[in-house]
């Protein structure tokens, strides 16, 4: 068996083993947020609050509550809250209106209270990255899925524009997020992948090469605005040419993702 395939299978098995230990709640929290057993009560601060029949602007407004009335927050779905009024009316309110209400203590509800909770509780991310790979510009796309409170699995595809060739990178990464409640949470990663180098034009002695890669890295993420997050990271690759030859590669990149 090719030595690169052996290395790939050993590293991949290790990542799968670590991931499986963290994946106990992979699908347990899918769908809507669970109802709150002790709903939070907030005081309407806007001149009025519009209740809709469903979580979206396409649903009609069926009731309008006025300023100074108390409402209970029952659950959240994307950027909408399901609320209950003191008169028994139940409907959905846009997060922007909830963010302007007052807590029972009389303090204004902050952006982090009403919006950034989604960032800390996100399940999926889809985005793109751009940066420098071995000194050459590259751009890529990625998709990630949480497999526990502090782990996620990420798949990536990227293309590197080199002088005489174009490289394609395929990566499978295991990310660890040990400080999920930080404003700028750091993360750490291990990954394996494949690098395909194809010459731009025919040259003497130069052919397409397929090689196995492995890497480690670390980065920072930051909540930007509703459903968007930015990140910056550094990676150190080991590029396996053959059984006895490896080549280290540094990668620096910025990225942006849409989470849901």
C-alpha atoms as a PDB file:
ATOM      1  CA  UNK A   1       0.000   0.000   0.000  1.00  0.00           C
ATOM      2  CA  UNK A   2       1.266   3.508  -0.823  1.00  0.00           C
ATOM      3  CA  UNK A   3       2.974   5.062   2.224  1.00  0.00           C
ATOM      4  CA  UNK A   4       0.976   8.309   1.802  1.00  0.00           C
ATOM      5  CA  UNK A   5      -2.307   6.401   1.978  1.00  0.00           C
ATOM      6  CA  UNK A   6      -1.130   4.661   5.160  1.00  0.00           C
ATOM      7  CA  UNK A   7      -0.263   7.979   6.792  1.00  0.00           C
ATOM      8  CA  UNK A   8      -3.592   9.479   5.727  1.00  0.00           C
ATOM      9  CA  UNK A   9      -5.597   6.589   7.195  1.00  0.00           C
ATOM     10  CA  UNK A  10      -3.724   6.646  10.519  1.00  0.00           C
ATOM     11  CA  UNK A  11      -4.183  10.397  10.992  1.00  0.00           C
ATOM     12  CA  UNK A  12      -7.811  10.316   9.840  1.00  0.00           C
ATOM     13  CA  UNK A  13      -8.606   7.477  12.248  1.00  0.00           C
ATOM     14  CA  UNK A  14      -7.174   9.543  15.105  1.00  0.00           C
ATOM     15  CA  UNK A  15      -9.312  12.546  14.186  1.00  0.00           C
ATOM     16  CA  UNK A  16     -12.436  10.398  13.897  1.00  0.00           C
ATOM     17  CA  UNK A  17     -11.768   8.829  17.310  1.00  0.00           C
ATOM     18  CA  UNK A  18     -11.383  12.224  18.984  1.00  0.00           C
ATOM     19  CA  UNK A  19     -14.444  13.558  17.201  1.00  0.00           C
ATOM     20  CA  UNK A  20     -16.604  10.597  18.175  1.00  0.00           C
ATOM     21  CA  UNK A  21     -15.812  11.157  21.858  1.00  0.00           C
ATOM     22  CA  UNK A  22     -17.140  14.716  21.578  1.00  0.00           C
ATOM     23  CA  UNK A  23     -20.179  13.974  19.435  1.00  0.00           C
ATOM     24  CA  UNK A  24     -22.669  12.811  22.040  1.00  0.00           C
ATOM     25  CA  UNK A  25     -25.038  15.668  21.287  1.00  0.00           C
ATOM     26  CA  UNK A  26     -24.485  15.866  17.526  1.00  0.00           C
ATOM     27  CA  UNK A  27     -28.186  15.797  16.723  1.00  0.00           C
ATOM     28  CA  UNK A  28     -29.675  16.239  20.167  1.00  0.00           C
ATOM     29  CA  UNK A  29     -30.049  19.994  19.793  1.00  0.00           C
ATOM     30  CA  UNK A  30     -31.210  20.175  16.167  1.00  0.00           C
ATOM     31  CA  UNK A  31     -34.178  22.354  15.204  1.00  0.00           C
ATOM     32  CA  UNK A  32     -35.746  25.068  17.316  1.00  0.00           C
ATOM     33  CA  UNK A  33     -34.372  26.177  20.659  1.00  0.00           C
ATOM     34  CA  UNK A  34     -36.017  24.308  23.499  1.00  0.00           C
ATOM     35  CA  UNK A  35     -38.601  26.211  25.528  1.00  0.00           C
ATOM     36  CA  UNK A  36     -37.246  28.017  28.569  1.00  0.00           C
ATOM     37  CA  UNK A  37     -38.438  26.401  31.817  1.00  0.00           C
ATOM     38  CA  UNK A  38     -38.209  29.784  33.548  1.00  0.00           C
ATOM     39  CA  UNK A  39     -39.094  32.397  30.888  1.00  0.00           C
ATOM     40  CA  UNK A  40     -37.403  35.777  31.148  1.00  0.00           C
ATOM     41  CA  UNK A  41     -39.747  38.765  31.601  1.00  0.00           C
ATOM     42  CA  UNK A  42     -38.941  42.025  29.835  1.00  0.00           C
ATOM     43  CA  UNK A  43     -40.631  45.412  29.710  1.00  0.00           C
ATOM     44  CA  UNK A  44     -41.575  46.871  26.324  1.00  0.00           C
ATOM     45  CA  UNK A  45     -39.468  50.020  25.760  1.00  0.00           C
ATOM     46  CA  UNK A  46     -40.543  50.897  22.198  1.00  0.00           C
ATOM     47  CA  UNK A  47     -43.782  52.814  21.561  1.00  0.00           C
ATOM     48  CA  UNK A  48     -45.238  49.467  20.516  1.00  0.00           C
ATOM     49  CA  UNK A  49     -44.309  45.812  19.855  1.00  0.00           C
ATOM     50  CA  UNK A  50     -45.737  43.887  16.890  1.00  0.00           C
ATOM     51  CA  UNK A  51     -46.664  40.222  17.347  1.00  0.00           C
ATOM     52  CA  UNK A  52     -46.709  38.009  14.236  1.00  0.00           C
ATOM     53  CA  UNK A  53     -48.227  34.580  13.738  1.00  0.00           C
ATOM     54  CA  UNK A  54     -44.836  33.047  12.831  1.00  0.00           C
ATOM     55  CA  UNK A  55     -41.065  33.675  12.924  1.00  0.00           C
ATOM     56  CA  UNK A  56     -40.673  35.824   9.801  1.00  0.00           C
ATOM     57  CA  UNK A  57     -41.756  39.079   8.171  1.00  0.00           C
ATOM     58  CA  UNK A  58     -43.909  37.092   5.779  1.00  0.00           C
ATOM     59  CA  UNK A  59     -46.282  36.247   8.640  1.00  0.00           C
ATOM     60  CA  UNK A  60     -49.051  38.783   9.382  1.00  0.00           C
ATOM     61  CA  UNK A  61     -49.155  41.027  12.431  1.00  0.00           C
ATOM     62  CA  UNK A  62     -52.142  39.997  14.558  1.00  0.00           C
ATOM     63  CA  UNK A  63     -51.568  42.001  17.738  1.00  0.00           C
ATOM     64  CA  UNK A  64     -49.743  45.148  18.869  1.00  0.00           C
ATOM     65  CA  UNK A  65     -48.605  45.601  22.450  1.00  0.00           C
ATOM     66  CA  UNK A  66     -47.923  49.085  23.806  1.00  0.00           C
ATOM     67  CA  UNK A  67     -45.004  50.471  25.806  1.00  0.00           C
ATOM     68  CA  UNK A  68     -44.811  49.672  29.476  1.00  0.00           C
ATOM     69  CA  UNK A  69     -46.302  46.174  29.255  1.00  0.00           C
ATOM     70  CA  UNK A  70     -44.485  43.041  30.438  1.00  0.00           C
ATOM     71  CA  UNK A  71     -43.856  40.095  28.106  1.00  0.00           C
ATOM     72  CA  UNK A  72     -42.307  36.652  28.645  1.00  0.00           C
ATOM     73  CA  UNK A  73     -39.672  35.221  26.263  1.00  0.00           C
ATOM     74  CA  UNK A  74     -40.590  31.582  25.558  1.00  0.00           C
ATOM     75  CA  UNK A  75     -38.094  30.492  22.883  1.00  0.00           C
ATOM     76  CA  UNK A  76     -35.901  31.746  20.045  1.00  0.00           C
ATOM     77  CA  UNK A  77     -35.731  30.645  16.400  1.00  0.00           C
ATOM     78  CA  UNK A  78     -33.007  32.318  14.303  1.00  0.00           C
ATOM     79  CA  UNK A  79     -33.611  36.065  14.798  1.00  0.00           C
ATOM     80  CA  UNK A  80     -37.148  35.770  16.200  1.00  0.00           C
ATOM     81  CA  UNK A  81     -38.492  35.372  19.739  1.00  0.00           C
ATOM     82  CA  UNK A  82     -41.712  33.639  20.685  1.00  0.00           C
ATOM     83  CA  UNK A  83     -43.321  35.716  23.447  1.00  0.00           C
ATOM     84  CA  UNK A  84     -46.362  35.591  25.696  1.00  0.00           C
ATOM     85  CA  UNK A  85     -48.206  38.662  26.931  1.00  0.00           C
ATOM     86  CA  UNK A  86     -49.914  39.058  30.290  1.00  0.00           C
ATOM     87  CA  UNK A  87     -53.298  38.829  28.538  1.00  0.00           C
ATOM     88  CA  UNK A  88     -52.422  35.385  27.154  1.00  0.00           C
ATOM     89  CA  UNK A  89     -51.609  36.422  23.566  1.00  0.00           C
ATOM     90  CA  UNK A  90     -48.693  34.393  22.121  1.00  0.00           C
ATOM     91  CA  UNK A  91     -46.760  35.424  19.017  1.00  0.00           C
ATOM     92  CA  UNK A  92     -43.391  36.039  17.408  1.00  0.00           C
ATOM     93  CA  UNK A  93     -41.355  39.254  17.681  1.00  0.00           C
ATOM     94  CA  UNK A  94     -38.311  40.371  15.701  1.00  0.00           C
ATOM     95  CA  UNK A  95     -35.072  40.309  17.693  1.00  0.00           C
ATOM     96  CA  UNK A  96     -34.501  44.004  16.924  1.00  0.00           C
ATOM     97  CA  UNK A  97     -37.559  44.915  18.980  1.00  0.00           C
ATOM     98  CA  UNK A  98     -36.592  42.610  21.839  1.00  0.00           C
ATOM     99  CA  UNK A  99     -33.124  44.210  21.997  1.00  0.00           C
ATOM    100  CA  UNK A 100     -34.757  47.549  22.832  1.00  0.00           C
ATOM    101  CA  UNK A 101     -36.757  46.253  25.772  1.00  0.00           C
ATOM    102  CA  UNK A 102     -35.827  46.530  29.428  1.00  0.00           C
ATOM    103  CA  UNK A 103     -34.922  43.781  31.850  1.00  0.00           C
ATOM    104  CA  UNK A 104     -36.847  43.477  35.091  1.00  0.00           C
ATOM    105  CA  UNK A 105     -33.994  45.338  36.833  1.00  0.00           C
ATOM    106  CA  UNK A 106     -34.513  48.305  34.514  1.00  0.00           C
ATOM    107  CA  UNK A 107     -31.324  47.849  32.454  1.00  0.00           C
ATOM    108  CA  UNK A 108     -31.412  48.002  28.684  1.00  0.00           C
ATOM    109  CA  UNK A 109     -31.025  44.608  27.050  1.00  0.00           C
ATOM    110  CA  UNK A 110     -27.673  44.638  25.237  1.00  0.00           C
ATOM    111  CA  UNK A 111     -26.748  43.317  21.791  1.00  0.00           C
ATOM    112  CA  UNK A 112     -24.858  40.441  23.394  1.00  0.00           C
ATOM    113  CA  UNK A 113     -27.896  39.484  25.452  1.00  0.00           C
ATOM    114  CA  UNK A 114     -30.258  39.292  22.498  1.00  0.00           C
ATOM    115  CA  UNK A 115     -28.134  38.560  19.422  1.00  0.00           C
ATOM    116  CA  UNK A 116     -24.687  37.188  20.200  1.00  0.00           C
ATOM    117  CA  UNK A 117     -26.175  34.202  22.051  1.00  0.00           C
ATOM    118  CA  UNK A 118     -26.717  32.754  18.578  1.00  0.00           C
ATOM    119  CA  UNK A 119     -22.991  33.093  17.888  1.00  0.00           C
ATOM    120  CA  UNK A 120     -22.060  31.124  21.000  1.00  0.00           C
ATOM    121  CA  UNK A 121     -24.736  28.486  20.296  1.00  0.00           C
ATOM    122  CA  UNK A 122     -24.208  28.184  16.537  1.00  0.00           C
ATOM    123  CA  UNK A 123     -24.365  24.695  14.978  1.00  0.00           C
ATOM    124  CA  UNK A 124     -23.225  25.187  11.363  1.00  0.00           C
ATOM    125  CA  UNK A 125     -20.904  27.548   9.508  1.00  0.00           C
ATOM    126  CA  UNK A 126     -20.369  28.110   5.793  1.00  0.00           C
ATOM    127  CA  UNK A 127     -17.801  30.615   4.586  1.00  0.00           C
ATOM    128  CA  UNK A 128     -14.681  31.499   2.649  1.00  0.00           C
ATOM    129  CA  UNK A 129     -11.040  32.306   3.383  1.00  0.00           C
ATOM    130  CA  UNK A 130      -8.224  34.119   1.626  1.00  0.00           C
ATOM    131  CA  UNK A 131      -4.570  34.560   2.512  1.00  0.00           C
ATOM    132  CA  UNK A 132      -1.041  33.302   1.953  1.00  0.00           C
ATOM    133  CA  UNK A 133       0.003  29.648   1.512  1.00  0.00           C
ATOM    134  CA  UNK A 134       3.781  29.155   1.285  1.00  0.00           C
ATOM    135  CA  UNK A 135       4.053  32.785   0.213  1.00  0.00           C
ATOM    136  CA  UNK A 136       1.453  32.506  -2.573  1.00  0.00           C
ATOM    137  CA  UNK A 137      -2.084  33.916  -2.579  1.00  0.00           C
ATOM    138  CA  UNK A 138      -4.976  31.499  -2.137  1.00  0.00           C
ATOM    139  CA  UNK A 139      -8.746  31.557  -1.726  1.00  0.00           C
ATOM    140  CA  UNK A 140     -11.009  28.816  -0.412  1.00  0.00           C
ATOM    141  CA  UNK A 141     -14.413  27.795   0.905  1.00  0.00           C
ATOM    142  CA  UNK A 142     -15.308  25.893   4.070  1.00  0.00           C
ATOM    143  CA  UNK A 143     -18.204  24.244   5.897  1.00  0.00           C
ATOM    144  CA  UNK A 144     -18.266  23.234   9.563  1.00  0.00           C
ATOM    145  CA  UNK A 145     -20.593  21.384  11.936  1.00  0.00           C
ATOM    146  CA  UNK A 146     -20.490  21.374  15.747  1.00  0.00           C
ATOM    147  CA  UNK A 147     -20.112  17.923  17.304  1.00  0.00           C
ATOM    148  CA  UNK A 148     -20.193  18.961  20.936  1.00  0.00           C
ATOM    149  CA  UNK A 149     -19.946  21.987  23.187  1.00  0.00           C
ATOM    150  CA  UNK A 150     -16.298  22.616  22.273  1.00  0.00           C
ATOM    151  CA  UNK A 151     -15.557  20.673  19.049  1.00  0.00           C
ATOM    152  CA  UNK A 152     -16.446  20.965  15.378  1.00  0.00           C
ATOM    153  CA  UNK A 153     -15.574  19.183  12.136  1.00  0.00           C
ATOM    154  CA  UNK A 154     -14.632  21.342   9.138  1.00  0.00           C
ATOM    155  CA  UNK A 155     -14.215  20.523   5.441  1.00  0.00           C
ATOM    156  CA  UNK A 156     -12.289  22.886   3.148  1.00  0.00           C
ATOM    157  CA  UNK A 157     -11.371  23.366  -0.495  1.00  0.00           C
ATOM    158  CA  UNK A 158      -8.856  25.976  -1.668  1.00  0.00           C
ATOM    159  CA  UNK A 159      -6.806  26.934  -4.712  1.00  0.00           C
ATOM    160  CA  UNK A 160      -3.312  28.430  -4.582  1.00  0.00           C
ATOM    161  CA  UNK A 161      -2.007  30.591  -7.446  1.00  0.00           C
ATOM    162  CA  UNK A 162       1.709  29.840  -7.739  1.00  0.00           C
ATOM    163  CA  UNK A 163       4.238  31.056 -10.332  1.00  0.00           C
ATOM    164  CA  UNK A 164       4.376  28.024 -12.612  1.00  0.00           C
ATOM    165  CA  UNK A 165       1.560  25.888 -11.208  1.00  0.00           C
ATOM    166  CA  UNK A 166      -1.825  25.849  -9.492  1.00  0.00           C
ATOM    167  CA  UNK A 167      -2.367  23.888  -6.287  1.00  0.00           C
ATOM    168  CA  UNK A 168      -5.648  22.492  -5.022  1.00  0.00           C
ATOM    169  CA  UNK A 169      -6.056  21.770  -1.308  1.00  0.00           C
ATOM    170  CA  UNK A 170      -8.629  19.437   0.249  1.00  0.00           C
ATOM    171  CA  UNK A 171      -8.680  19.459   4.069  1.00  0.00           C
ATOM    172  CA  UNK A 172     -10.630  17.764   6.841  1.00  0.00           C
ATOM    173  CA  UNK A 173     -10.110  19.489  10.181  1.00  0.00           C
ATOM    174  CA  UNK A 174     -10.986  18.923  13.810  1.00  0.00           C
ATOM    175  CA  UNK A 175     -11.432  22.244  15.666  1.00  0.00           C
ATOM    176  CA  UNK A 176     -11.394  22.721  19.431  1.00  0.00           C
ATOM    177  CA  UNK A 177     -13.115  25.772  20.970  1.00  0.00           C
ATOM    178  CA  UNK A 178     -12.194  25.666  24.694  1.00  0.00           C
ATOM    179  CA  UNK A 179     -13.365  29.229  25.464  1.00  0.00           C
ATOM    180  CA  UNK A 180     -16.723  29.506  23.694  1.00  0.00           C
ATOM    181  CA  UNK A 181     -18.029  32.283  25.971  1.00  0.00           C
ATOM    182  CA  UNK A 182     -15.183  34.710  25.234  1.00  0.00           C
ATOM    183  CA  UNK A 183     -15.832  37.807  23.125  1.00  0.00           C
ATOM    184  CA  UNK A 184     -12.995  36.793  20.759  1.00  0.00           C
ATOM    185  CA  UNK A 185     -12.795  33.027  21.313  1.00  0.00           C
ATOM    186  CA  UNK A 186      -9.549  31.341  20.212  1.00  0.00           C
ATOM    187  CA  UNK A 187      -9.589  27.918  18.607  1.00  0.00           C
ATOM    188  CA  UNK A 188      -7.074  25.179  17.864  1.00  0.00           C
ATOM    189  CA  UNK A 189      -7.099  22.663  15.037  1.00  0.00           C
ATOM    190  CA  UNK A 190      -5.614  19.474  13.632  1.00  0.00           C
ATOM    191  CA  UNK A 191      -6.191  18.388  10.075  1.00  0.00           C
ATOM    192  CA  UNK A 192      -5.295  16.094   7.213  1.00  0.00           C
ATOM    193  CA  UNK A 193      -5.754  16.568   3.521  1.00  0.00           C
ATOM    194  CA  UNK A 194      -4.512  16.262  -0.016  1.00  0.00           C
ATOM    195  CA  UNK A 195      -2.538  18.711  -2.159  1.00  0.00           C
ATOM    196  CA  UNK A 196      -2.681  18.466  -5.946  1.00  0.00           C
ATOM    197  CA  UNK A 197      -0.069  20.481  -7.852  1.00  0.00           C
ATOM    198  CA  UNK A 198      -0.655  20.926 -11.600  1.00  0.00           C
ATOM    199  CA  UNK A 199       1.771  22.884 -13.837  1.00  0.00           C
ATOM    200  CA  UNK A 200       0.267  25.844 -15.663  1.00  0.00           C
ATOM    201  CA  UNK A 201       2.191  24.995 -18.829  1.00  0.00           C
ATOM    202  CA  UNK A 202       4.373  22.098 -19.897  1.00  0.00           C
ATOM    203  CA  UNK A 203       7.877  22.174 -18.487  1.00  0.00           C
ATOM    204  CA  UNK A 204      10.712  19.726 -18.656  1.00  0.00           C
ATOM    205  CA  UNK A 205      10.488  17.230 -15.815  1.00  0.00           C
ATOM    206  CA  UNK A 206       7.388  18.789 -14.223  1.00  0.00           C
ATOM    207  CA  UNK A 207       4.223  16.710 -13.859  1.00  0.00           C
ATOM    208  CA  UNK A 208       1.103  16.740 -11.753  1.00  0.00           C
ATOM    209  CA  UNK A 209       1.757  15.556  -8.190  1.00  0.00           C
ATOM    210  CA  UNK A 210      -0.726  14.329  -5.562  1.00  0.00           C
ATOM    211  CA  UNK A 211       0.514  14.447  -1.965  1.00  0.00           C
ATOM    212  CA  UNK A 212      -0.871  13.882   1.516  1.00  0.00           C
ATOM    213  CA  UNK A 213      -0.700  16.761   4.015  1.00  0.00           C
ATOM    214  CA  UNK A 214      -1.193  17.137   7.761  1.00  0.00           C
ATOM    215  CA  UNK A 215      -1.316  20.336   9.748  1.00  0.00           C
ATOM    216  CA  UNK A 216      -1.935  22.022  13.084  1.00  0.00           C
ATOM    217  CA  UNK A 217      -3.005  25.594  13.706  1.00  0.00           C
ATOM    218  CA  UNK A 218      -4.727  28.156  15.853  1.00  0.00           C
ATOM    219  CA  UNK A 219      -6.868  31.240  15.304  1.00  0.00           C
ATOM    220  CA  UNK A 220      -9.361  33.764  16.627  1.00  0.00           C
ATOM    221  CA  UNK A 221     -13.042  34.238  15.811  1.00  0.00           C
ATOM    222  CA  UNK A 222     -15.162  37.342  16.285  1.00  0.00           C
ATOM    223  CA  UNK A 223     -18.885  38.020  16.030  1.00  0.00           C
ATOM    224  CA  UNK A 224     -19.445  40.722  13.384  1.00  0.00           C
ATOM    225  CA  UNK A 225     -23.179  41.169  12.930  1.00  0.00           C
ATOM    226  CA  UNK A 226     -26.344  39.092  12.771  1.00  0.00           C
ATOM    227  CA  UNK A 227     -25.381  35.554  11.617  1.00  0.00           C
ATOM    228  CA  UNK A 228     -21.876  36.543  10.490  1.00  0.00           C
ATOM    229  CA  UNK A 229     -18.501  35.789  12.076  1.00  0.00           C
ATOM    230  CA  UNK A 230     -14.923  36.680  11.062  1.00  0.00           C
ATOM    231  CA  UNK A 231     -11.762  34.704  11.760  1.00  0.00           C
ATOM    232  CA  UNK A 232      -8.007  34.869  11.387  1.00  0.00           C
ATOM    233  CA  UNK A 233      -5.663  31.900  11.674  1.00  0.00           C
ATOM    234  CA  UNK A 234      -2.184  30.446  11.257  1.00  0.00           C
ATOM    235  CA  UNK A 235      -1.366  26.880  10.103  1.00  0.00           C
ATOM    236  CA  UNK A 236       1.771  24.815   9.839  1.00  0.00           C
ATOM    237  CA  UNK A 237       1.605  22.116   7.164  1.00  0.00           C
ATOM    238  CA  UNK A 238       3.700  18.996   6.712  1.00  0.00           C
ATOM    239  CA  UNK A 239       3.695  18.156   3.001  1.00  0.00           C
ATOM    240  CA  UNK A 240       4.562  14.469   2.448  1.00  0.00           C
ATOM    241  CA  UNK A 241       6.388  13.997  -0.849  1.00  0.00           C
ATOM    242  CA  UNK A 242       7.331  10.384  -0.151  1.00  0.00           C
ATOM    243  CA  UNK A 243       8.278   8.083   2.707  1.00  0.00           C
ATOM    244  CA  UNK A 244      11.408  10.026   3.633  1.00  0.00           C
ATOM    245  CA  UNK A 245      10.725  13.541   2.376  1.00  0.00           C
ATOM    246  CA  UNK A 246       8.437  16.142   3.979  1.00  0.00           C
ATOM    247  CA  UNK A 247       8.267  19.872   3.423  1.00  0.00           C
ATOM    248  CA  UNK A 248       6.950  22.418   5.993  1.00  0.00           C
ATOM    249  CA  UNK A 249       4.556  25.119   4.770  1.00  0.00           C
ATOM    250  CA  UNK A 250       3.190  28.159   6.604  1.00  0.00           C
ATOM    251  CA  UNK A 251      -0.292  29.524   5.966  1.00  0.00           C
ATOM    252  CA  UNK A 252      -1.892  32.766   7.165  1.00  0.00           C
ATOM    253  CA  UNK A 253      -5.493  33.617   6.329  1.00  0.00           C
ATOM    254  CA  UNK A 254      -8.567  35.727   7.032  1.00  0.00           C
ATOM    255  CA  UNK A 255     -12.097  34.453   6.655  1.00  0.00           C
ATOM    256  CA  UNK A 256     -15.786  35.224   7.030  1.00  0.00           C
ATOM    257  CA  UNK A 257     -18.633  32.799   7.686  1.00  0.00           C
ATOM    258  CA  UNK A 258     -22.398  32.673   7.820  1.00  0.00           C
ATOM    259  CA  UNK A 259     -23.623  30.647  10.811  1.00  0.00           C
ATOM    260  CA  UNK A 260     -26.987  29.031  11.484  1.00  0.00           C
END
